[in-house]
């Protein structure tokens, strides 16, 4: 019985001696960041959102709906006329607007940091001005987005046409 315990102790000591060697050859899975659920959006770069299922793709749609709440439809309306989905410095983004004589002017931008799994939305309406929604922070927005945002509040407003006064005859 005593020999059995001694053999077990040697087995444990021997295994312990090899464990650091084996651990050094194996990547530490806890050190790797989890894959981003938004990384798939890079596949849309160069395409126009309206020509794809970009806005309805998951989990983008669910995250936008959660962040925007009652402003979701306003965001979608105000980004209808957009440029292509772009990527700068690892950030995926798209900006757009909705110039319409029938309603107030508005604009919107989406910026995604796939590596950080972060989504930031900007919504501008004449009624509420510029508002931000996000599930994290992006330290520096792409220069094109910053240029577009700066132009939203400074843009000239369209002249409002007044109806001619009715005359009584």
N, C-alpha and C. Protein backbone atom coordinates (compact mmCIF):
# COMPACT_ATOMS: atom_id res chain seq x y z
N UNK A 1 0.83 -1.19 0.00
CA UNK A 1 0.00 0.00 0.00
C UNK A 1 0.87 1.24 0.00
N UNK A 2 1.96 1.16 0.83
CA UNK A 2 2.87 2.29 0.92
C UNK A 2 3.53 2.53 -0.44
N UNK A 3 3.83 1.50 -1.16
CA UNK A 3 4.45 1.61 -2.48
C UNK A 3 3.48 2.26 -3.47
N UNK A 4 2.22 1.96 -3.34
CA UNK A 4 1.21 2.56 -4.22
C UNK A 4 1.13 4.07 -4.02
N UNK A 5 1.15 4.52 -2.76
CA UNK A 5 1.13 5.97 -2.48
C UNK A 5 2.40 6.64 -3.00
N UNK A 6 3.53 5.99 -2.85
CA UNK A 6 4.79 6.56 -3.33
C UNK A 6 4.77 6.66 -4.85
N UNK A 7 4.22 5.66 -5.53
CA UNK A 7 4.13 5.70 -6.99
C UNK A 7 3.21 6.83 -7.45
N UNK A 8 2.10 7.00 -6.75
CA UNK A 8 1.16 8.09 -7.07
C UNK A 8 1.82 9.45 -6.88
N UNK A 9 2.59 9.58 -5.79
CA UNK A 9 3.28 10.84 -5.52
C UNK A 9 4.29 11.15 -6.61
N UNK A 10 5.03 10.14 -7.09
CA UNK A 10 5.99 10.36 -8.18
C UNK A 10 5.27 10.75 -9.47
N UNK A 11 4.13 10.14 -9.73
CA UNK A 11 3.35 10.47 -10.91
C UNK A 11 2.89 11.93 -10.86
N UNK A 12 2.39 12.37 -9.73
CA UNK A 12 1.93 13.75 -9.56
C UNK A 12 3.11 14.72 -9.70
N UNK A 13 4.24 14.40 -9.04
CA UNK A 13 5.41 15.27 -9.12
C UNK A 13 5.91 15.34 -10.55
N UNK A 14 5.94 14.20 -11.23
CA UNK A 14 6.40 14.17 -12.62
C UNK A 14 5.49 14.99 -13.53
N UNK A 15 4.22 14.89 -13.33
CA UNK A 15 3.28 15.66 -14.14
C UNK A 15 3.42 17.15 -13.86
N UNK A 16 3.62 17.48 -12.60
CA UNK A 16 3.78 18.89 -12.24
C UNK A 16 5.03 19.46 -12.88
N UNK A 17 6.06 18.65 -12.98
CA UNK A 17 7.29 19.13 -13.60
C UNK A 17 7.12 19.44 -15.06
N UNK A 18 6.22 18.76 -15.75
CA UNK A 18 6.03 18.95 -17.19
C UNK A 18 4.97 20.00 -17.50
N UNK A 19 4.11 20.28 -16.56
CA UNK A 19 2.99 21.20 -16.83
C UNK A 19 3.45 22.58 -17.29
N UNK A 20 4.45 23.22 -16.68
CA UNK A 20 4.86 24.53 -17.15
C UNK A 20 5.38 24.51 -18.58
N UNK A 21 6.07 23.41 -18.97
CA UNK A 21 6.56 23.29 -20.35
C UNK A 21 5.39 23.27 -21.32
N UNK A 22 4.40 22.45 -21.01
CA UNK A 22 3.24 22.33 -21.88
C UNK A 22 2.46 23.64 -21.91
N UNK A 23 2.33 24.31 -20.77
CA UNK A 23 1.60 25.57 -20.72
C UNK A 23 2.29 26.64 -21.55
N UNK A 24 3.61 26.62 -21.60
CA UNK A 24 4.35 27.62 -22.38
C UNK A 24 4.11 27.45 -23.86
N UNK A 25 3.81 26.22 -24.30
CA UNK A 25 3.59 25.97 -25.72
C UNK A 25 2.14 26.18 -26.15
N UNK A 26 1.25 26.34 -25.19
CA UNK A 26 -0.16 26.51 -25.48
C UNK A 26 -0.56 27.98 -25.35
N UNK A 27 -1.36 28.52 -26.29
CA UNK A 27 -1.83 29.89 -26.13
C UNK A 27 -2.78 29.98 -24.95
N UNK A 28 -2.74 31.09 -24.27
CA UNK A 28 -3.63 31.33 -23.14
C UNK A 28 -4.96 31.83 -23.69
N UNK A 29 -5.96 30.96 -23.68
CA UNK A 29 -7.25 31.32 -24.27
C UNK A 29 -7.93 32.46 -23.53
N UNK A 30 -7.59 32.70 -22.29
CA UNK A 30 -8.21 33.80 -21.55
C UNK A 30 -7.62 35.14 -21.98
N UNK A 31 -6.45 35.15 -22.63
CA UNK A 31 -5.82 36.39 -23.05
C UNK A 31 -6.36 36.87 -24.40
N UNK A 32 -7.02 36.00 -25.14
CA UNK A 32 -7.54 36.37 -26.45
C UNK A 32 -8.91 37.02 -26.30
N UNK A 33 -9.14 38.14 -27.01
CA UNK A 33 -10.47 38.75 -26.91
C UNK A 33 -11.50 37.88 -27.60
N UNK A 34 -12.73 37.91 -27.13
CA UNK A 34 -13.76 37.12 -27.82
C UNK A 34 -14.01 37.71 -29.20
N UNK A 35 -14.39 36.88 -30.16
CA UNK A 35 -14.65 37.43 -31.49
C UNK A 35 -15.81 38.42 -31.44
N UNK A 36 -15.70 39.48 -32.18
CA UNK A 36 -16.73 40.52 -32.19
C UNK A 36 -17.93 40.05 -32.99
N UNK A 37 -19.10 40.27 -32.45
CA UNK A 37 -20.32 39.92 -33.18
C UNK A 37 -20.60 40.90 -34.31
N UNK A 38 -19.85 42.01 -34.37
CA UNK A 38 -20.04 42.99 -35.44
C UNK A 38 -18.98 42.91 -36.53
N UNK A 39 -18.03 41.98 -36.42
CA UNK A 39 -16.95 41.87 -37.40
C UNK A 39 -17.47 41.58 -38.81
N UNK A 40 -18.61 40.91 -38.92
CA UNK A 40 -19.18 40.58 -40.23
C UNK A 40 -19.51 41.82 -41.06
N UNK A 41 -19.67 42.99 -40.40
CA UNK A 41 -20.02 44.21 -41.13
C UNK A 41 -18.93 44.64 -42.10
N UNK A 42 -17.69 44.22 -41.86
CA UNK A 42 -16.60 44.54 -42.79
C UNK A 42 -16.87 43.98 -44.20
N UNK A 43 -17.67 42.93 -44.27
CA UNK A 43 -18.02 42.34 -45.56
C UNK A 43 -18.89 43.25 -46.42
N UNK A 44 -19.46 44.29 -45.83
CA UNK A 44 -20.31 45.22 -46.57
C UNK A 44 -19.55 46.45 -47.07
N UNK A 45 -18.30 46.61 -46.68
CA UNK A 45 -17.51 47.79 -47.07
C UNK A 45 -17.48 47.90 -48.59
N UNK A 46 -17.75 49.11 -49.08
CA UNK A 46 -17.77 49.37 -50.52
C UNK A 46 -19.16 49.24 -51.13
N UNK A 47 -20.10 48.72 -50.39
CA UNK A 47 -21.47 48.54 -50.88
C UNK A 47 -22.37 49.61 -50.29
N UNK A 48 -23.46 49.88 -50.99
CA UNK A 48 -24.46 50.83 -50.48
C UNK A 48 -25.46 50.07 -49.62
N UNK A 49 -25.79 50.61 -48.45
CA UNK A 49 -26.71 49.89 -47.56
C UNK A 49 -28.04 49.54 -48.21
N UNK A 50 -28.56 50.43 -49.04
CA UNK A 50 -29.85 50.19 -49.69
C UNK A 50 -29.83 49.06 -50.71
N UNK A 51 -28.63 48.66 -51.15
CA UNK A 51 -28.50 47.57 -52.12
C UNK A 51 -28.27 46.22 -51.43
N UNK A 52 -28.27 46.21 -50.12
CA UNK A 52 -27.96 45.00 -49.36
C UNK A 52 -28.98 44.83 -48.23
N UNK A 53 -28.76 43.83 -47.41
CA UNK A 53 -29.60 43.62 -46.22
C UNK A 53 -28.90 44.18 -44.98
N UNK A 54 -27.97 45.11 -45.19
CA UNK A 54 -27.17 45.67 -44.11
C UNK A 54 -27.99 46.06 -42.89
N UNK A 55 -29.01 46.90 -43.08
CA UNK A 55 -29.79 47.41 -41.95
C UNK A 55 -30.59 46.33 -41.26
N UNK A 56 -30.95 45.28 -41.97
CA UNK A 56 -31.74 44.20 -41.38
C UNK A 56 -30.90 43.03 -40.90
N UNK A 57 -29.59 43.12 -41.05
CA UNK A 57 -28.73 42.02 -40.61
C UNK A 57 -28.64 41.99 -39.09
N UNK A 58 -28.49 40.79 -38.58
CA UNK A 58 -28.38 40.62 -37.12
C UNK A 58 -26.95 40.28 -36.75
N UNK A 59 -26.47 40.84 -35.69
CA UNK A 59 -27.17 41.51 -34.60
C UNK A 59 -27.25 43.02 -34.74
N UNK A 60 -26.85 43.59 -35.90
CA UNK A 60 -26.88 45.04 -36.05
C UNK A 60 -28.27 45.60 -35.78
N UNK A 61 -29.28 45.04 -36.42
CA UNK A 61 -30.64 45.57 -36.25
C UNK A 61 -31.09 45.55 -34.79
N UNK A 62 -30.88 44.45 -34.10
CA UNK A 62 -31.29 44.34 -32.69
C UNK A 62 -30.57 45.35 -31.81
N UNK A 63 -29.29 45.53 -32.06
CA UNK A 63 -28.53 46.48 -31.23
C UNK A 63 -28.96 47.91 -31.51
N UNK A 64 -29.22 48.23 -32.78
CA UNK A 64 -29.69 49.58 -33.12
C UNK A 64 -31.06 49.83 -32.50
N UNK A 65 -31.95 48.86 -32.58
CA UNK A 65 -33.30 48.99 -32.01
C UNK A 65 -33.22 49.23 -30.51
N UNK A 66 -32.35 48.49 -29.83
CA UNK A 66 -32.20 48.66 -28.38
C UNK A 66 -31.64 50.03 -28.04
N UNK A 67 -30.63 50.49 -28.80
CA UNK A 67 -30.00 51.78 -28.49
C UNK A 67 -30.89 52.97 -28.83
N UNK A 68 -31.57 52.90 -29.96
CA UNK A 68 -32.36 54.04 -30.44
C UNK A 68 -33.77 54.08 -29.86
N UNK A 69 -34.30 52.95 -29.46
CA UNK A 69 -35.67 52.92 -28.93
C UNK A 69 -36.65 53.53 -29.92
N UNK A 70 -37.41 54.52 -29.47
CA UNK A 70 -38.41 55.19 -30.30
C UNK A 70 -37.83 56.01 -31.44
N UNK A 71 -36.52 56.21 -31.47
CA UNK A 71 -35.87 56.96 -32.55
C UNK A 71 -35.36 56.07 -33.67
N UNK A 72 -35.62 54.76 -33.58
CA UNK A 72 -35.12 53.83 -34.59
C UNK A 72 -35.61 54.21 -36.00
N UNK A 73 -36.92 54.42 -36.15
CA UNK A 73 -37.45 54.73 -37.48
C UNK A 73 -36.93 56.08 -37.98
N UNK A 74 -36.79 57.05 -37.10
CA UNK A 74 -36.24 58.35 -37.48
C UNK A 74 -34.81 58.18 -38.01
N UNK A 75 -34.03 57.36 -37.32
CA UNK A 75 -32.65 57.10 -37.78
C UNK A 75 -32.68 56.50 -39.18
N UNK A 76 -33.51 55.48 -39.38
CA UNK A 76 -33.58 54.82 -40.70
C UNK A 76 -34.05 55.79 -41.78
N UNK A 77 -35.03 56.62 -41.46
CA UNK A 77 -35.51 57.61 -42.43
C UNK A 77 -34.43 58.62 -42.78
N UNK A 78 -33.62 58.99 -41.79
CA UNK A 78 -32.63 60.04 -42.00
C UNK A 78 -31.28 59.55 -42.51
N UNK A 79 -31.18 58.28 -42.84
CA UNK A 79 -29.95 57.77 -43.44
C UNK A 79 -30.25 57.10 -44.78
N UNK A 80 -31.47 57.32 -45.29
CA UNK A 80 -31.88 56.69 -46.54
C UNK A 80 -30.97 57.03 -47.71
N UNK A 81 -30.61 58.30 -47.85
CA UNK A 81 -29.70 58.71 -48.91
C UNK A 81 -28.30 58.68 -48.32
N UNK A 82 -27.52 57.66 -48.69
CA UNK A 82 -26.21 57.51 -48.07
C UNK A 82 -25.14 57.19 -49.09
N UNK A 83 -23.92 57.35 -48.66
CA UNK A 83 -22.79 56.91 -49.44
C UNK A 83 -22.57 55.44 -49.18
N UNK A 84 -21.51 54.89 -49.75
CA UNK A 84 -21.23 53.48 -49.50
C UNK A 84 -20.72 53.27 -48.07
N UNK A 85 -20.84 52.07 -47.60
CA UNK A 85 -20.29 51.70 -46.31
C UNK A 85 -18.77 51.74 -46.46
N UNK A 86 -18.10 52.41 -45.53
CA UNK A 86 -16.67 52.65 -45.65
C UNK A 86 -15.94 52.13 -44.43
N UNK A 87 -14.61 52.06 -44.54
CA UNK A 87 -13.78 51.65 -43.40
C UNK A 87 -12.53 52.51 -43.38
N UNK A 88 -12.25 53.06 -42.22
CA UNK A 88 -11.04 53.87 -41.99
C UNK A 88 -10.51 53.53 -40.60
N UNK A 89 -9.23 53.24 -40.52
CA UNK A 89 -8.62 52.98 -39.22
C UNK A 89 -9.28 51.86 -38.44
N UNK A 90 -9.81 50.87 -39.14
CA UNK A 90 -10.46 49.75 -38.47
C UNK A 90 -11.91 50.00 -38.10
N UNK A 91 -12.42 51.22 -38.35
CA UNK A 91 -13.81 51.55 -38.04
C UNK A 91 -14.66 51.47 -39.30
N UNK A 92 -15.80 50.83 -39.22
CA UNK A 92 -16.75 50.73 -40.33
C UNK A 92 -17.81 51.80 -40.10
N UNK A 93 -18.15 52.55 -41.16
CA UNK A 93 -19.12 53.63 -40.96
C UNK A 93 -19.91 53.91 -42.23
N UNK A 94 -21.03 54.59 -42.03
CA UNK A 94 -21.86 55.08 -43.13
C UNK A 94 -22.58 56.33 -42.64
N UNK A 95 -22.68 57.33 -43.51
CA UNK A 95 -23.42 58.55 -43.19
C UNK A 95 -24.47 58.78 -44.26
N UNK A 96 -25.53 59.48 -43.90
CA UNK A 96 -26.57 59.77 -44.87
C UNK A 96 -27.49 60.86 -44.38
N UNK A 97 -28.43 61.21 -45.24
CA UNK A 97 -29.40 62.24 -44.87
C UNK A 97 -30.71 62.00 -45.58
N UNK A 98 -31.67 62.81 -45.26
CA UNK A 98 -32.99 62.71 -45.86
C UNK A 98 -33.49 64.11 -46.18
N UNK A 99 -32.96 64.70 -47.26
CA UNK A 99 -33.45 66.03 -47.63
C UNK A 99 -34.82 65.92 -48.27
N UNK A 100 -35.80 66.45 -47.61
CA UNK A 100 -37.16 66.34 -48.11
C UNK A 100 -37.90 67.64 -47.85
N UNK A 101 -38.53 68.12 -48.89
CA UNK A 101 -39.32 69.35 -48.74
C UNK A 101 -40.59 69.08 -47.95
N UNK A 102 -41.02 67.82 -47.91
CA UNK A 102 -42.27 67.48 -47.24
C UNK A 102 -42.11 67.34 -45.74
N UNK A 103 -40.88 67.23 -45.25
CA UNK A 103 -40.67 67.05 -43.81
C UNK A 103 -39.40 67.75 -43.39
N UNK A 104 -39.12 67.72 -42.12
CA UNK A 104 -37.91 68.38 -41.65
C UNK A 104 -36.67 67.63 -42.16
N UNK A 105 -35.58 68.37 -42.32
CA UNK A 105 -34.33 67.79 -42.79
C UNK A 105 -33.66 67.05 -41.65
N UNK A 106 -33.01 65.93 -41.96
CA UNK A 106 -32.30 65.18 -40.93
C UNK A 106 -31.15 64.42 -41.54
N UNK A 107 -30.29 63.91 -40.68
CA UNK A 107 -29.13 63.14 -41.11
C UNK A 107 -28.78 62.14 -40.02
N UNK A 108 -28.00 61.14 -40.40
CA UNK A 108 -27.62 60.12 -39.43
C UNK A 108 -26.27 59.52 -39.83
N UNK A 109 -25.60 58.95 -38.83
CA UNK A 109 -24.33 58.25 -39.06
C UNK A 109 -24.25 57.05 -38.15
N UNK A 110 -23.66 56.00 -38.66
CA UNK A 110 -23.39 54.79 -37.89
C UNK A 110 -21.89 54.57 -37.93
N UNK A 111 -21.28 54.33 -36.79
CA UNK A 111 -19.84 54.02 -36.71
C UNK A 111 -19.71 52.77 -35.85
N UNK A 112 -18.98 51.78 -36.36
CA UNK A 112 -18.79 50.52 -35.67
C UNK A 112 -17.30 50.26 -35.50
N UNK A 113 -16.93 49.89 -34.30
CA UNK A 113 -15.57 49.41 -34.02
C UNK A 113 -15.68 47.91 -33.84
N UNK A 114 -15.45 47.13 -34.92
CA UNK A 114 -15.60 45.68 -34.82
C UNK A 114 -14.66 45.06 -33.78
N UNK A 115 -13.45 45.57 -33.66
CA UNK A 115 -12.49 45.01 -32.70
C UNK A 115 -12.98 45.21 -31.27
N UNK A 116 -13.59 46.34 -30.99
CA UNK A 116 -14.09 46.63 -29.65
C UNK A 116 -15.54 46.26 -29.45
N UNK A 117 -16.17 45.72 -30.53
CA UNK A 117 -17.58 45.32 -30.47
C UNK A 117 -18.46 46.48 -30.02
N UNK A 118 -18.15 47.69 -30.55
CA UNK A 118 -18.83 48.91 -30.14
C UNK A 118 -19.60 49.53 -31.31
N UNK A 119 -20.77 50.03 -31.01
CA UNK A 119 -21.64 50.65 -32.00
C UNK A 119 -21.99 52.05 -31.52
N UNK A 120 -21.80 53.07 -32.37
CA UNK A 120 -22.15 54.45 -32.07
C UNK A 120 -23.04 54.97 -33.19
N UNK A 121 -24.14 55.60 -32.81
CA UNK A 121 -25.09 56.15 -33.76
C UNK A 121 -25.25 57.64 -33.50
N UNK A 122 -25.27 58.43 -34.56
CA UNK A 122 -25.50 59.87 -34.47
C UNK A 122 -26.76 60.18 -35.26
N UNK A 123 -27.64 60.98 -34.66
CA UNK A 123 -28.89 61.35 -35.32
C UNK A 123 -29.09 62.84 -35.19
N UNK A 124 -29.26 63.50 -36.32
CA UNK A 124 -29.52 64.94 -36.33
C UNK A 124 -30.91 65.18 -36.92
N UNK A 125 -31.73 65.92 -36.19
CA UNK A 125 -33.01 66.41 -36.73
C UNK A 125 -33.10 67.89 -36.39
N UNK A 126 -33.81 68.63 -37.21
CA UNK A 126 -33.96 70.06 -36.95
C UNK A 126 -34.66 70.29 -35.60
N UNK A 127 -35.55 69.40 -35.25
CA UNK A 127 -36.31 69.55 -34.00
C UNK A 127 -35.42 69.31 -32.77
N UNK A 128 -34.58 68.26 -32.80
CA UNK A 128 -33.82 67.86 -31.61
C UNK A 128 -32.32 68.12 -31.69
N UNK A 129 -31.83 68.58 -32.83
CA UNK A 129 -30.39 68.78 -32.98
C UNK A 129 -29.65 67.46 -33.06
N UNK A 130 -28.38 67.47 -32.72
CA UNK A 130 -27.53 66.28 -32.81
C UNK A 130 -27.60 65.50 -31.50
N UNK A 131 -27.91 64.22 -31.62
CA UNK A 131 -27.94 63.33 -30.46
C UNK A 131 -27.09 62.09 -30.75
N UNK A 132 -26.51 61.54 -29.70
CA UNK A 132 -25.65 60.37 -29.83
C UNK A 132 -26.23 59.21 -29.04
N UNK A 133 -26.08 58.01 -29.60
CA UNK A 133 -26.52 56.78 -28.96
C UNK A 133 -25.37 55.79 -29.13
N UNK A 134 -25.09 55.00 -28.11
CA UNK A 134 -24.02 54.03 -28.26
C UNK A 134 -23.97 53.05 -27.12
N UNK A 135 -23.30 51.93 -27.38
CA UNK A 135 -23.12 50.94 -26.33
C UNK A 135 -21.65 50.88 -25.91
N UNK A 136 -20.97 51.99 -26.12
CA UNK A 136 -19.57 52.12 -25.75
C UNK A 136 -19.03 53.42 -26.34
N UNK A 137 -17.75 53.62 -26.19
CA UNK A 137 -17.11 54.84 -26.70
C UNK A 137 -16.15 54.48 -27.82
N UNK A 138 -16.09 55.34 -28.81
CA UNK A 138 -15.07 55.25 -29.85
C UNK A 138 -14.26 56.52 -29.71
N UNK A 139 -12.99 56.37 -29.37
CA UNK A 139 -12.14 57.51 -29.03
C UNK A 139 -12.09 58.57 -30.12
N UNK A 140 -11.91 58.15 -31.35
CA UNK A 140 -11.82 59.11 -32.46
C UNK A 140 -12.64 58.61 -33.63
N UNK A 141 -13.69 59.35 -33.97
CA UNK A 141 -14.50 58.99 -35.13
C UNK A 141 -13.70 59.23 -36.41
N UNK A 142 -14.01 58.52 -37.49
CA UNK A 142 -13.30 58.74 -38.76
C UNK A 142 -13.42 60.20 -39.20
N UNK A 143 -12.36 60.76 -39.81
CA UNK A 143 -12.38 62.16 -40.25
C UNK A 143 -13.58 62.50 -41.14
N UNK A 144 -13.97 61.59 -42.01
CA UNK A 144 -15.11 61.84 -42.90
C UNK A 144 -16.40 62.00 -42.09
N UNK A 145 -16.56 61.21 -41.04
CA UNK A 145 -17.75 61.33 -40.19
C UNK A 145 -17.72 62.66 -39.45
N UNK A 146 -16.55 63.04 -38.93
CA UNK A 146 -16.43 64.32 -38.20
C UNK A 146 -16.76 65.49 -39.12
N UNK A 147 -16.28 65.42 -40.35
CA UNK A 147 -16.55 66.49 -41.33
C UNK A 147 -18.05 66.56 -41.62
N UNK A 148 -18.67 65.42 -41.78
CA UNK A 148 -20.10 65.38 -42.05
C UNK A 148 -20.90 65.91 -40.86
N UNK A 149 -20.53 65.49 -39.64
CA UNK A 149 -21.23 65.97 -38.44
C UNK A 149 -21.13 67.48 -38.30
N UNK A 150 -19.95 68.02 -38.58
CA UNK A 150 -19.74 69.47 -38.45
C UNK A 150 -20.64 70.23 -39.42
N UNK A 151 -20.92 69.65 -40.57
CA UNK A 151 -21.74 70.32 -41.57
C UNK A 151 -23.23 70.27 -41.28
N UNK A 152 -23.69 69.37 -40.44
CA UNK A 152 -25.12 69.23 -40.21
C UNK A 152 -25.73 70.46 -39.58
N UNK A 153 -25.15 70.96 -38.52
CA UNK A 153 -25.77 72.10 -37.84
C UNK A 153 -25.46 73.41 -38.53
N UNK A 154 -24.42 73.43 -39.36
CA UNK A 154 -24.03 74.67 -40.04
C UNK A 154 -24.61 74.80 -41.43
N UNK A 155 -25.33 73.83 -41.88
CA UNK A 155 -25.82 73.86 -43.26
C UNK A 155 -26.92 74.91 -43.42
N UNK A 156 -27.02 75.50 -44.61
CA UNK A 156 -28.09 76.48 -44.85
C UNK A 156 -29.45 75.79 -44.86
N UNK A 157 -30.42 76.42 -44.30
CA UNK A 157 -31.78 75.88 -44.26
C UNK A 157 -32.52 76.27 -45.54
N UNK A 158 -33.31 75.34 -46.07
CA UNK A 158 -34.07 75.69 -47.27
C UNK A 158 -35.13 76.75 -46.95
N UNK A 159 -35.39 77.60 -47.92
CA UNK A 159 -36.41 78.63 -47.74
C UNK A 159 -37.78 77.95 -47.70
N UNK A 160 -38.61 78.41 -46.82
CA UNK A 160 -39.97 77.87 -46.70
C UNK A 160 -40.86 78.69 -47.61
N UNK A 161 -41.53 77.99 -48.51
CA UNK A 161 -42.43 78.67 -49.44
C UNK A 161 -43.74 78.98 -48.73
N UNK A 162 -44.17 80.21 -48.85
CA UNK A 162 -45.45 80.62 -48.26
C UNK A 162 -46.50 80.62 -49.35
N UNK A 163 -47.68 80.23 -48.95
CA UNK A 163 -48.78 80.26 -49.90
C UNK A 163 -49.24 81.70 -50.11
N UNK A 164 -49.57 82.04 -51.32
CA UNK A 164 -50.08 83.40 -51.54
C UNK A 164 -51.40 83.60 -50.78
N UNK A 165 -51.58 84.78 -50.29
CA UNK A 165 -52.80 85.09 -49.54
C UNK A 165 -54.00 85.01 -50.48
N UNK A 166 -55.04 84.41 -49.95
CA UNK A 166 -56.25 84.31 -50.76
C UNK A 166 -56.94 85.69 -50.79
N UNK A 167 -57.46 86.02 -51.93
CA UNK A 167 -58.16 87.30 -52.07
C UNK A 167 -59.66 87.06 -52.18
N UNK A 168 -60.40 87.95 -51.61
CA UNK A 168 -61.87 87.84 -51.71
C UNK A 168 -62.32 88.79 -52.80
N UNK A 169 -63.14 88.32 -53.60
CA UNK A 169 -63.52 89.16 -54.70
C UNK A 169 -64.88 89.45 -54.83
